[in-house]
Amino acid sequence: MPTMLTAIVRKQELREKVDANGDSFISFLEYLLYQYREFCNPADFVERSLTASRVDEHPEIAKARAALDDVTQAIRAYEREKARLEAESKQPGVRGLGAKHTLAQLAASPLAEKLNASLIKAEAAVRLATKKFGPGGSEYEPGKDQSSGTVFWLNRDLEEKRRMYGRRASQFQPS
């Protein structure tokens, strides 16, 4: 049962509690999240849906997902080192020059090699999962399982990472 609120209190509650992304517009999803906040927590809902979909997935798909997680960790390490070197290269003197040279050599560093190796392993794992469970694959059954959607998103995630961090990507060239 709704409670009676004054206009000022209602607007403040809408701004603080309902408008999740702070854009001054309330979407239907934001309204539903607010309306049913006693029954469900959005973070719990997302976590439950992710774990429920991964419980019955095939080991090949789980292996591909784990390979993509390794790529993500390697990208984070590479980007963290790159950001550190870029910040350090803005310093004057020898320290700044040394950081600029190290930044120029980052494309051939062990971090970049680890990123390339994990990207190649992920490509192989996703390609194998696509051959088996993608549309036209040997174990694909339309309408029966959700593996084709999972394979689509694995391929899309891999393509984005390959585009940004593949062998000939501009990210590995010194800036």
Foldseek 3Di string as FASTA:
>chain_A
DDDDDDPVVVVVCCQPQQPPVNPPDGDPVSVVCRVCVVPDHVVVVVVVVVVVQPPPDDVLLVQLVVLLVQLVVLVVVLVVLLVVLVVQLVDDDDRNVVSLVVLQCSLVDPSLVSNAVSLVVSVVSLVVLCQQDAVVHPPHDPPPGDSNVSSVVSVVSSVVSCQCRNPPHPVSHRD
